[in-house]
């Protein structure tokens, strides 16, 4: 009533392991088994993808190594403990900003050195083909469920808008997937502006990014004029990524998606307001 609108929350946090990440890891662990891989590696920022990967590895009895930035290990200690309880080895990324980008770098180094027995379960809609598409398709169960849940509640499948936060972009990709070709559905992406878009402490890729290549995909990328990747920042572990999935770069450049950059303070205040509605 306060905002004269109906806001539905898609509760992916109620999944096993506490986030949307398990939608993807279940699919990818089956791919790994089919390929005959014995060793699984993953990167994680907030730790949710690491927990989801460790869970499916425990289920399938496969070795699991999770790369995580040293800073993220400190600020996401409960998820680190969960990964270890599930039998995973957590390896710190000690270079660069010591967050998600650097964990991904380390995971790719490992993957390149161990191609025969190792499958890399990428957690976001990034990386070399077919990862962005594969992760998006596994996560598309989110928008599929939105359609039938909305049909139940409102008698219609399409909302006026779908809104998702965006780092690399797997939850957003899954949220948007079944609405991409529904022009009446507005697509809203909210990215991390950190301490301000122009503060030098930001991850606002749609505003600051130029076309470049990161972790094997061509997309929008925060970089210096000579192509060096700049360090991202966000209060949110997992949203502090200097790029964005290629699908989201396309949505931004074509105007199909509307991108908003929100600072740490505004995001925290909005979250508190939402809990009181």
C-alpha atoms as a PDB file:
ATOM      1  CA  UNK A   1       0.000   0.000   0.000  1.00  0.00           C
ATOM      2  CA  UNK A   2       2.829   2.390   0.856  1.00  0.00           C
ATOM      3  CA  UNK A   3       4.162   2.255  -2.725  1.00  0.00           C
ATOM      4  CA  UNK A   4       0.815   1.555  -4.416  1.00  0.00           C
ATOM      5  CA  UNK A   5       2.120  -1.684  -5.891  1.00  0.00           C
ATOM      6  CA  UNK A   6       2.312  -5.406  -5.181  1.00  0.00           C
ATOM      7  CA  UNK A   7       5.835  -6.639  -4.498  1.00  0.00           C
ATOM      8  CA  UNK A   8       6.442 -10.378  -4.629  1.00  0.00           C
ATOM      9  CA  UNK A   9       9.760 -11.770  -3.390  1.00  0.00           C
ATOM     10  CA  UNK A  10      11.095 -14.853  -5.184  1.00  0.00           C
ATOM     11  CA  UNK A  11      12.454 -16.732  -2.184  1.00  0.00           C
ATOM     12  CA  UNK A  12      15.465 -18.531  -3.624  1.00  0.00           C
ATOM     13  CA  UNK A  13      16.949 -18.336  -0.122  1.00  0.00           C
ATOM     14  CA  UNK A  14      14.563 -21.157   0.829  1.00  0.00           C
ATOM     15  CA  UNK A  15      16.367 -23.579  -1.479  1.00  0.00           C
ATOM     16  CA  UNK A  16      18.658 -26.198   0.018  1.00  0.00           C
ATOM     17  CA  UNK A  17      22.010 -24.518   0.847  1.00  0.00           C
ATOM     18  CA  UNK A  18      20.276 -21.132   1.201  1.00  0.00           C
ATOM     19  CA  UNK A  19      20.495 -19.535  -2.256  1.00  0.00           C
ATOM     20  CA  UNK A  20      19.789 -19.896  -5.972  1.00  0.00           C
ATOM     21  CA  UNK A  21      23.237 -21.401  -6.554  1.00  0.00           C
ATOM     22  CA  UNK A  22      22.118 -25.006  -6.095  1.00  0.00           C
ATOM     23  CA  UNK A  23      19.919 -24.740  -9.227  1.00  0.00           C
ATOM     24  CA  UNK A  24      23.136 -24.589 -11.235  1.00  0.00           C
ATOM     25  CA  UNK A  25      25.362 -26.956  -9.264  1.00  0.00           C
ATOM     26  CA  UNK A  26      22.889 -29.859  -9.498  1.00  0.00           C
ATOM     27  CA  UNK A  27      22.877 -29.547 -13.283  1.00  0.00           C
ATOM     28  CA  UNK A  28      26.633 -29.152 -13.568  1.00  0.00           C
ATOM     29  CA  UNK A  29      27.515 -32.056 -11.265  1.00  0.00           C
ATOM     30  CA  UNK A  30      25.454 -34.327 -13.538  1.00  0.00           C
ATOM     31  CA  UNK A  31      27.422 -32.975 -16.519  1.00  0.00           C
ATOM     32  CA  UNK A  32      30.680 -33.671 -14.648  1.00  0.00           C
ATOM     33  CA  UNK A  33      29.625 -37.255 -13.860  1.00  0.00           C
ATOM     34  CA  UNK A  34      28.670 -37.816 -17.497  1.00  0.00           C
ATOM     35  CA  UNK A  35      32.097 -36.516 -18.570  1.00  0.00           C
ATOM     36  CA  UNK A  36      33.791 -38.904 -16.145  1.00  0.00           C
ATOM     37  CA  UNK A  37      35.455 -36.166 -14.074  1.00  0.00           C
ATOM     38  CA  UNK A  38      36.784 -37.059 -10.620  1.00  0.00           C
ATOM     39  CA  UNK A  39      37.726 -33.631  -9.290  1.00  0.00           C
ATOM     40  CA  UNK A  40      35.541 -30.523  -9.016  1.00  0.00           C
ATOM     41  CA  UNK A  41      36.736 -26.939  -8.623  1.00  0.00           C
ATOM     42  CA  UNK A  42      34.715 -23.772  -8.118  1.00  0.00           C
ATOM     43  CA  UNK A  43      35.092 -20.097  -7.294  1.00  0.00           C
ATOM     44  CA  UNK A  44      32.952 -18.315  -4.759  1.00  0.00           C
ATOM     45  CA  UNK A  45      32.456 -14.763  -3.496  1.00  0.00           C
ATOM     46  CA  UNK A  46      29.809 -14.717  -0.778  1.00  0.00           C
ATOM     47  CA  UNK A  47      30.357 -18.431  -0.260  1.00  0.00           C
ATOM     48  CA  UNK A  48      26.906 -19.550  -1.392  1.00  0.00           C
ATOM     49  CA  UNK A  49      28.155 -21.094  -4.638  1.00  0.00           C
ATOM     50  CA  UNK A  50      30.944 -22.774  -2.708  1.00  0.00           C
ATOM     51  CA  UNK A  51      28.444 -24.320  -0.295  1.00  0.00           C
ATOM     52  CA  UNK A  52      26.200 -25.446  -3.160  1.00  0.00           C
ATOM     53  CA  UNK A  53      29.180 -26.990  -4.986  1.00  0.00           C
ATOM     54  CA  UNK A  54      30.465 -28.711  -1.842  1.00  0.00           C
ATOM     55  CA  UNK A  55      26.968 -30.105  -1.276  1.00  0.00           C
ATOM     56  CA  UNK A  56      26.626 -31.733  -4.699  1.00  0.00           C
ATOM     57  CA  UNK A  57      30.208 -33.036  -4.514  1.00  0.00           C
ATOM     58  CA  UNK A  58      29.389 -34.690  -1.179  1.00  0.00           C
ATOM     59  CA  UNK A  59      26.274 -36.168  -2.786  1.00  0.00           C
ATOM     60  CA  UNK A  60      28.269 -37.618  -5.687  1.00  0.00           C
ATOM     61  CA  UNK A  61      31.403 -38.520  -3.723  1.00  0.00           C
ATOM     62  CA  UNK A  62      33.739 -36.263  -5.732  1.00  0.00           C
ATOM     63  CA  UNK A  63      36.777 -34.270  -4.581  1.00  0.00           C
ATOM     64  CA  UNK A  64      35.914 -30.579  -4.167  1.00  0.00           C
ATOM     65  CA  UNK A  65      38.241 -27.564  -4.124  1.00  0.00           C
ATOM     66  CA  UNK A  66      36.766 -24.075  -3.733  1.00  0.00           C
ATOM     67  CA  UNK A  67      38.759 -20.912  -4.464  1.00  0.00           C
ATOM     68  CA  UNK A  68      37.762 -17.868  -2.425  1.00  0.00           C
ATOM     69  CA  UNK A  69      39.320 -14.440  -1.979  1.00  0.00           C
ATOM     70  CA  UNK A  70      41.176 -13.984   1.305  1.00  0.00           C
ATOM     71  CA  UNK A  71      38.977 -10.994   2.205  1.00  0.00           C
ATOM     72  CA  UNK A  72      35.798 -12.966   1.451  1.00  0.00           C
ATOM     73  CA  UNK A  73      37.025 -15.878   3.594  1.00  0.00           C
ATOM     74  CA  UNK A  74      37.243 -13.471   6.538  1.00  0.00           C
ATOM     75  CA  UNK A  75      33.865 -11.784   5.992  1.00  0.00           C
ATOM     76  CA  UNK A  76      31.949 -14.966   5.107  1.00  0.00           C
ATOM     77  CA  UNK A  77      33.298 -17.299   7.797  1.00  0.00           C
ATOM     78  CA  UNK A  78      30.018 -19.236   8.346  1.00  0.00           C
ATOM     79  CA  UNK A  79      29.925 -20.330   4.701  1.00  0.00           C
ATOM     80  CA  UNK A  80      33.607 -21.299   4.841  1.00  0.00           C
ATOM     81  CA  UNK A  81      32.792 -23.523   7.831  1.00  0.00           C
ATOM     82  CA  UNK A  82      29.886 -25.107   5.928  1.00  0.00           C
ATOM     83  CA  UNK A  83      32.088 -25.910   2.926  1.00  0.00           C
ATOM     84  CA  UNK A  84      34.662 -27.578   5.154  1.00  0.00           C
ATOM     85  CA  UNK A  85      31.965 -29.548   6.994  1.00  0.00           C
ATOM     86  CA  UNK A  86      30.812 -30.861   3.621  1.00  0.00           C
ATOM     87  CA  UNK A  87      34.334 -32.076   2.858  1.00  0.00           C
ATOM     88  CA  UNK A  88      35.550 -29.306   0.543  1.00  0.00           C
ATOM     89  CA  UNK A  89      39.024 -27.779   0.607  1.00  0.00           C
ATOM     90  CA  UNK A  90      38.882 -23.961   0.619  1.00  0.00           C
ATOM     91  CA  UNK A  91      41.900 -22.302  -1.015  1.00  0.00           C
ATOM     92  CA  UNK A  92      42.470 -18.552  -0.541  1.00  0.00           C
ATOM     93  CA  UNK A  93      43.086 -16.212  -3.474  1.00  0.00           C
ATOM     94  CA  UNK A  94      45.835 -13.877  -2.287  1.00  0.00           C
ATOM     95  CA  UNK A  95      46.299 -11.636  -5.341  1.00  0.00           C
ATOM     96  CA  UNK A  96      44.624  -8.399  -6.468  1.00  0.00           C
ATOM     97  CA  UNK A  97      41.606  -7.328  -4.447  1.00  0.00           C
ATOM     98  CA  UNK A  98      41.448 -10.825  -2.841  1.00  0.00           C
ATOM     99  CA  UNK A  99      37.762 -11.158  -3.745  1.00  0.00           C
ATOM    100  CA  UNK A 100      35.616 -12.849  -6.416  1.00  0.00           C
ATOM    101  CA  UNK A 101      37.609 -11.819  -9.508  1.00  0.00           C
ATOM    102  CA  UNK A 102      40.797 -13.183  -8.000  1.00  0.00           C
ATOM    103  CA  UNK A 103      39.139 -16.416  -6.877  1.00  0.00           C
ATOM    104  CA  UNK A 104      37.965 -16.902 -10.472  1.00  0.00           C
ATOM    105  CA  UNK A 105      41.513 -16.276 -11.741  1.00  0.00           C
ATOM    106  CA  UNK A 106      42.869 -18.987  -9.433  1.00  0.00           C
ATOM    107  CA  UNK A 107      40.141 -21.455 -10.399  1.00  0.00           C
ATOM    108  CA  UNK A 108      40.835 -20.950 -14.112  1.00  0.00           C
ATOM    109  CA  UNK A 109      44.585 -21.457 -13.510  1.00  0.00           C
ATOM    110  CA  UNK A 110      43.806 -24.744 -11.780  1.00  0.00           C
ATOM    111  CA  UNK A 111      41.424 -25.809 -14.571  1.00  0.00           C
ATOM    112  CA  UNK A 112      43.999 -25.099 -17.298  1.00  0.00           C
ATOM    113  CA  UNK A 113      46.592 -27.190 -15.430  1.00  0.00           C
ATOM    114  CA  UNK A 114      44.250 -30.131 -14.758  1.00  0.00           C
ATOM    115  CA  UNK A 115      42.008 -30.511 -17.824  1.00  0.00           C
ATOM    116  CA  UNK A 116      41.763 -34.317 -17.879  1.00  0.00           C
ATOM    117  CA  UNK A 117      40.169 -35.139 -14.521  1.00  0.00           C
ATOM    118  CA  UNK A 118      38.776 -31.738 -13.436  1.00  0.00           C
ATOM    119  CA  UNK A 119      35.420 -30.057 -14.093  1.00  0.00           C
ATOM    120  CA  UNK A 120      35.080 -26.370 -13.237  1.00  0.00           C
ATOM    121  CA  UNK A 121      31.619 -25.541 -11.899  1.00  0.00           C
ATOM    122  CA  UNK A 122      31.395 -21.817 -12.623  1.00  0.00           C
ATOM    123  CA  UNK A 123      28.844 -20.180 -10.352  1.00  0.00           C
ATOM    124  CA  UNK A 124      27.887 -17.147 -12.399  1.00  0.00           C
ATOM    125  CA  UNK A 125      26.775 -16.408 -15.960  1.00  0.00           C
ATOM    126  CA  UNK A 126      30.363 -15.672 -17.003  1.00  0.00           C
ATOM    127  CA  UNK A 127      33.354 -17.569 -18.377  1.00  0.00           C
ATOM    128  CA  UNK A 128      34.025 -19.141 -21.769  1.00  0.00           C
ATOM    129  CA  UNK A 129      31.205 -20.603 -23.854  1.00  0.00           C
ATOM    130  CA  UNK A 130      29.110 -22.608 -23.057  1.00  0.00           C
ATOM    131  CA  UNK A 131      29.200 -21.531 -19.398  1.00  0.00           C
ATOM    132  CA  UNK A 132      27.181 -18.275 -19.579  1.00  0.00           C
ATOM    133  CA  UNK A 133      24.420 -20.019 -21.539  1.00  0.00           C
ATOM    134  CA  UNK A 134      24.541 -23.250 -19.509  1.00  0.00           C
ATOM    135  CA  UNK A 135      24.386 -21.470 -16.147  1.00  0.00           C
ATOM    136  CA  UNK A 136      21.544 -19.259 -17.402  1.00  0.00           C
ATOM    137  CA  UNK A 137      19.530 -22.273 -18.563  1.00  0.00           C
ATOM    138  CA  UNK A 138      19.987 -24.097 -15.257  1.00  0.00           C
ATOM    139  CA  UNK A 139      18.955 -20.938 -13.384  1.00  0.00           C
ATOM    140  CA  UNK A 140      15.958 -20.345 -15.684  1.00  0.00           C
ATOM    141  CA  UNK A 141      13.912 -22.486 -13.297  1.00  0.00           C
ATOM    142  CA  UNK A 142      13.573 -19.205 -11.335  1.00  0.00           C
ATOM    143  CA  UNK A 143      11.569 -17.389 -14.032  1.00  0.00           C
ATOM    144  CA  UNK A 144       9.685 -20.596 -14.841  1.00  0.00           C
ATOM    145  CA  UNK A 145       8.527 -20.747 -11.229  1.00  0.00           C
ATOM    146  CA  UNK A 146       7.733 -17.019 -11.189  1.00  0.00           C
ATOM    147  CA  UNK A 147       5.325 -17.613 -14.077  1.00  0.00           C
ATOM    148  CA  UNK A 148       3.334 -20.392 -12.454  1.00  0.00           C
ATOM    149  CA  UNK A 149       3.472 -18.872  -8.962  1.00  0.00           C
ATOM    150  CA  UNK A 150       2.168 -15.558 -10.335  1.00  0.00           C
ATOM    151  CA  UNK A 151      -0.532 -17.433 -12.258  1.00  0.00           C
ATOM    152  CA  UNK A 152      -1.643 -18.932  -8.943  1.00  0.00           C
ATOM    153  CA  UNK A 153      -1.602 -15.623  -7.070  1.00  0.00           C
ATOM    154  CA  UNK A 154      -2.727 -13.120  -9.701  1.00  0.00           C
ATOM    155  CA  UNK A 155      -4.244 -15.150 -12.535  1.00  0.00           C
ATOM    156  CA  UNK A 156      -1.536 -13.959 -14.940  1.00  0.00           C
ATOM    157  CA  UNK A 157       1.918 -15.263 -15.823  1.00  0.00           C
ATOM    158  CA  UNK A 158       3.711 -12.006 -16.551  1.00  0.00           C
ATOM    159  CA  UNK A 159       4.562  -9.331 -13.970  1.00  0.00           C
ATOM    160  CA  UNK A 160       4.920  -5.684 -14.953  1.00  0.00           C
ATOM    161  CA  UNK A 161       8.572  -5.749 -13.888  1.00  0.00           C
ATOM    162  CA  UNK A 162      11.162  -8.279 -12.797  1.00  0.00           C
ATOM    163  CA  UNK A 163      13.933  -6.897 -10.590  1.00  0.00           C
ATOM    164  CA  UNK A 164      17.210  -8.572  -9.665  1.00  0.00           C
ATOM    165  CA  UNK A 165      20.573  -7.586  -8.227  1.00  0.00           C
ATOM    166  CA  UNK A 166      23.491  -8.228 -10.532  1.00  0.00           C
ATOM    167  CA  UNK A 167      27.166  -9.064 -10.062  1.00  0.00           C
ATOM    168  CA  UNK A 168      28.239 -11.698 -12.555  1.00  0.00           C
ATOM    169  CA  UNK A 169      24.550 -12.203 -13.084  1.00  0.00           C
ATOM    170  CA  UNK A 170      23.359 -15.796 -12.584  1.00  0.00           C
ATOM    171  CA  UNK A 171      20.348 -15.047 -10.386  1.00  0.00           C
ATOM    172  CA  UNK A 172      19.378 -12.157 -12.660  1.00  0.00           C
ATOM    173  CA  UNK A 173      19.782 -14.298 -15.789  1.00  0.00           C
ATOM    174  CA  UNK A 174      17.516 -16.950 -14.306  1.00  0.00           C
ATOM    175  CA  UNK A 175      14.983 -14.357 -13.178  1.00  0.00           C
ATOM    176  CA  UNK A 176      14.786 -12.721 -16.604  1.00  0.00           C
ATOM    177  CA  UNK A 177      15.055 -15.788 -18.851  1.00  0.00           C
ATOM    178  CA  UNK A 178      11.403 -16.563 -19.599  1.00  0.00           C
ATOM    179  CA  UNK A 179      10.546 -12.864 -19.883  1.00  0.00           C
ATOM    180  CA  UNK A 180      13.249 -11.825 -22.354  1.00  0.00           C
ATOM    181  CA  UNK A 181      10.852 -12.022 -25.302  1.00  0.00           C
ATOM    182  CA  UNK A 182       7.845 -10.624 -23.419  1.00  0.00           C
ATOM    183  CA  UNK A 183       8.047  -6.910 -24.325  1.00  0.00           C
ATOM    184  CA  UNK A 184       5.382  -5.936 -21.787  1.00  0.00           C
ATOM    185  CA  UNK A 185       7.621  -7.145 -18.925  1.00  0.00           C
ATOM    186  CA  UNK A 186      10.160  -4.553 -17.785  1.00  0.00           C
ATOM    187  CA  UNK A 187      13.596  -5.924 -16.906  1.00  0.00           C
ATOM    188  CA  UNK A 188      15.344  -4.097 -14.058  1.00  0.00           C
ATOM    189  CA  UNK A 189      18.947  -4.809 -13.043  1.00  0.00           C
ATOM    190  CA  UNK A 190      20.405  -3.329  -9.858  1.00  0.00           C
ATOM    191  CA  UNK A 191      24.196  -3.264  -9.658  1.00  0.00           C
ATOM    192  CA  UNK A 192      26.564  -2.279  -6.870  1.00  0.00           C
ATOM    193  CA  UNK A 193      27.638   1.369  -6.938  1.00  0.00           C
ATOM    194  CA  UNK A 194      29.654   0.840  -3.749  1.00  0.00           C
ATOM    195  CA  UNK A 195      30.617   4.228  -2.323  1.00  0.00           C
ATOM    196  CA  UNK A 196      29.389   6.007  -5.483  1.00  0.00           C
ATOM    197  CA  UNK A 197      29.693   5.377  -9.218  1.00  0.00           C
ATOM    198  CA  UNK A 198      32.530   7.884  -9.602  1.00  0.00           C
ATOM    199  CA  UNK A 199      34.154   7.277  -6.212  1.00  0.00           C
ATOM    200  CA  UNK A 200      36.733   4.769  -7.424  1.00  0.00           C
ATOM    201  CA  UNK A 201      35.098   2.239  -5.078  1.00  0.00           C
ATOM    202  CA  UNK A 202      32.326   0.780  -7.203  1.00  0.00           C
ATOM    203  CA  UNK A 203      31.200  -2.204  -9.271  1.00  0.00           C
ATOM    204  CA  UNK A 204      28.806  -0.286 -11.536  1.00  0.00           C
ATOM    205  CA  UNK A 205      29.757  -2.112 -14.725  1.00  0.00           C
ATOM    206  CA  UNK A 206      26.908  -0.790 -16.874  1.00  0.00           C
ATOM    207  CA  UNK A 207      28.013   2.797 -16.143  1.00  0.00           C
ATOM    208  CA  UNK A 208      31.790   2.349 -16.011  1.00  0.00           C
ATOM    209  CA  UNK A 209      32.353  -0.641 -18.286  1.00  0.00           C
ATOM    210  CA  UNK A 210      33.677  -0.782 -21.829  1.00  0.00           C
ATOM    211  CA  UNK A 211      33.695  -3.810 -24.132  1.00  0.00           C
ATOM    212  CA  UNK A 212      36.485  -6.186 -23.161  1.00  0.00           C
ATOM    213  CA  UNK A 213      37.314  -9.803 -22.392  1.00  0.00           C
ATOM    214  CA  UNK A 214      37.397 -11.284 -18.893  1.00  0.00           C
ATOM    215  CA  UNK A 215      37.577 -14.929 -17.850  1.00  0.00           C
ATOM    216  CA  UNK A 216      36.923 -16.052 -21.411  1.00  0.00           C
ATOM    217  CA  UNK A 217      33.886 -13.975 -22.350  1.00  0.00           C
ATOM    218  CA  UNK A 218      33.444 -10.738 -24.290  1.00  0.00           C
ATOM    219  CA  UNK A 219      31.318  -8.381 -22.256  1.00  0.00           C
ATOM    220  CA  UNK A 220      31.218  -5.012 -20.479  1.00  0.00           C
ATOM    221  CA  UNK A 221      34.249  -4.679 -18.250  1.00  0.00           C
ATOM    222  CA  UNK A 222      35.591  -2.058 -15.857  1.00  0.00           C
ATOM    223  CA  UNK A 223      39.050  -1.252 -17.217  1.00  0.00           C
ATOM    224  CA  UNK A 224      41.671   1.451 -17.622  1.00  0.00           C
ATOM    225  CA  UNK A 225      42.190   3.179 -21.020  1.00  0.00           C
ATOM    226  CA  UNK A 226      44.972   0.683 -21.788  1.00  0.00           C
ATOM    227  CA  UNK A 227      42.771  -2.317 -20.959  1.00  0.00           C
ATOM    228  CA  UNK A 228      43.881  -3.194 -17.418  1.00  0.00           C
ATOM    229  CA  UNK A 229      41.006  -4.463 -15.270  1.00  0.00           C
ATOM    230  CA  UNK A 230      40.151  -2.080 -12.425  1.00  0.00           C
ATOM    231  CA  UNK A 231      39.423  -3.314  -8.912  1.00  0.00           C
ATOM    232  CA  UNK A 232      35.703  -3.452  -8.087  1.00  0.00           C
ATOM    233  CA  UNK A 233      34.211  -2.696  -4.685  1.00  0.00           C
ATOM    234  CA  UNK A 234      30.913  -3.457  -2.982  1.00  0.00           C
ATOM    235  CA  UNK A 235      29.791  -4.078   0.572  1.00  0.00           C
ATOM    236  CA  UNK A 236      28.199  -7.204  -0.881  1.00  0.00           C
ATOM    237  CA  UNK A 237      30.560 -10.150  -1.374  1.00  0.00           C
ATOM    238  CA  UNK A 238      29.628 -11.561  -4.765  1.00  0.00           C
ATOM    239  CA  UNK A 239      28.506  -8.291  -6.364  1.00  0.00           C
ATOM    240  CA  UNK A 240      32.060  -6.920  -6.417  1.00  0.00           C
ATOM    241  CA  UNK A 241      32.886  -8.226  -9.894  1.00  0.00           C
ATOM    242  CA  UNK A 242      34.454  -5.948 -12.548  1.00  0.00           C
ATOM    243  CA  UNK A 243      32.396  -7.397 -15.397  1.00  0.00           C
ATOM    244  CA  UNK A 244      28.918  -8.710 -16.021  1.00  0.00           C
ATOM    245  CA  UNK A 245      27.551 -11.728 -17.867  1.00  0.00           C
ATOM    246  CA  UNK A 246      27.433 -11.252 -21.669  1.00  0.00           C
ATOM    247  CA  UNK A 247      23.647 -11.595 -21.733  1.00  0.00           C
ATOM    248  CA  UNK A 248      23.360  -8.664 -19.345  1.00  0.00           C
ATOM    249  CA  UNK A 249      25.830  -6.606 -21.380  1.00  0.00           C
ATOM    250  CA  UNK A 250      23.531  -7.195 -24.350  1.00  0.00           C
ATOM    251  CA  UNK A 251      20.454  -6.164 -22.343  1.00  0.00           C
ATOM    252  CA  UNK A 252      22.238  -2.967 -21.264  1.00  0.00           C
ATOM    253  CA  UNK A 253      23.486  -2.037 -24.733  1.00  0.00           C
ATOM    254  CA  UNK A 254      20.201  -2.769 -26.528  1.00  0.00           C
ATOM    255  CA  UNK A 255      18.098  -1.031 -23.885  1.00  0.00           C
ATOM    256  CA  UNK A 256      15.992  -4.152 -23.214  1.00  0.00           C
ATOM    257  CA  UNK A 257      17.111  -4.000 -19.602  1.00  0.00           C
ATOM    258  CA  UNK A 258      17.139  -0.930 -17.386  1.00  0.00           C
ATOM    259  CA  UNK A 259      20.201  -0.736 -15.140  1.00  0.00           C
ATOM    260  CA  UNK A 260      20.353   1.095 -11.817  1.00  0.00           C
ATOM    261  CA  UNK A 261      23.516   1.606  -9.777  1.00  0.00           C
ATOM    262  CA  UNK A 262      22.810   1.660  -6.035  1.00  0.00           C
ATOM    263  CA  UNK A 263      25.284   2.613  -3.311  1.00  0.00           C
ATOM    264  CA  UNK A 264      26.013   0.508  -0.235  1.00  0.00           C
ATOM    265  CA  UNK A 265      24.104   2.920   2.009  1.00  0.00           C
ATOM    266  CA  UNK A 266      21.031   3.114  -0.235  1.00  0.00           C
ATOM    267  CA  UNK A 267      20.917  -0.673  -0.595  1.00  0.00           C
ATOM    268  CA  UNK A 268      21.109  -1.185   3.169  1.00  0.00           C
ATOM    269  CA  UNK A 269      18.398   1.415   3.784  1.00  0.00           C
ATOM    270  CA  UNK A 270      16.133  -0.104   1.121  1.00  0.00           C
ATOM    271  CA  UNK A 271      16.608  -3.552   2.641  1.00  0.00           C
ATOM    272  CA  UNK A 272      15.588  -2.248   6.057  1.00  0.00           C
ATOM    273  CA  UNK A 273      12.535  -0.520   4.569  1.00  0.00           C
ATOM    274  CA  UNK A 274      11.494  -3.700   2.795  1.00  0.00           C
ATOM    275  CA  UNK A 275      11.600  -5.725   6.014  1.00  0.00           C
ATOM    276  CA  UNK A 276       9.132  -3.262   7.562  1.00  0.00           C
ATOM    277  CA  UNK A 277       6.535  -3.320   4.759  1.00  0.00           C
END
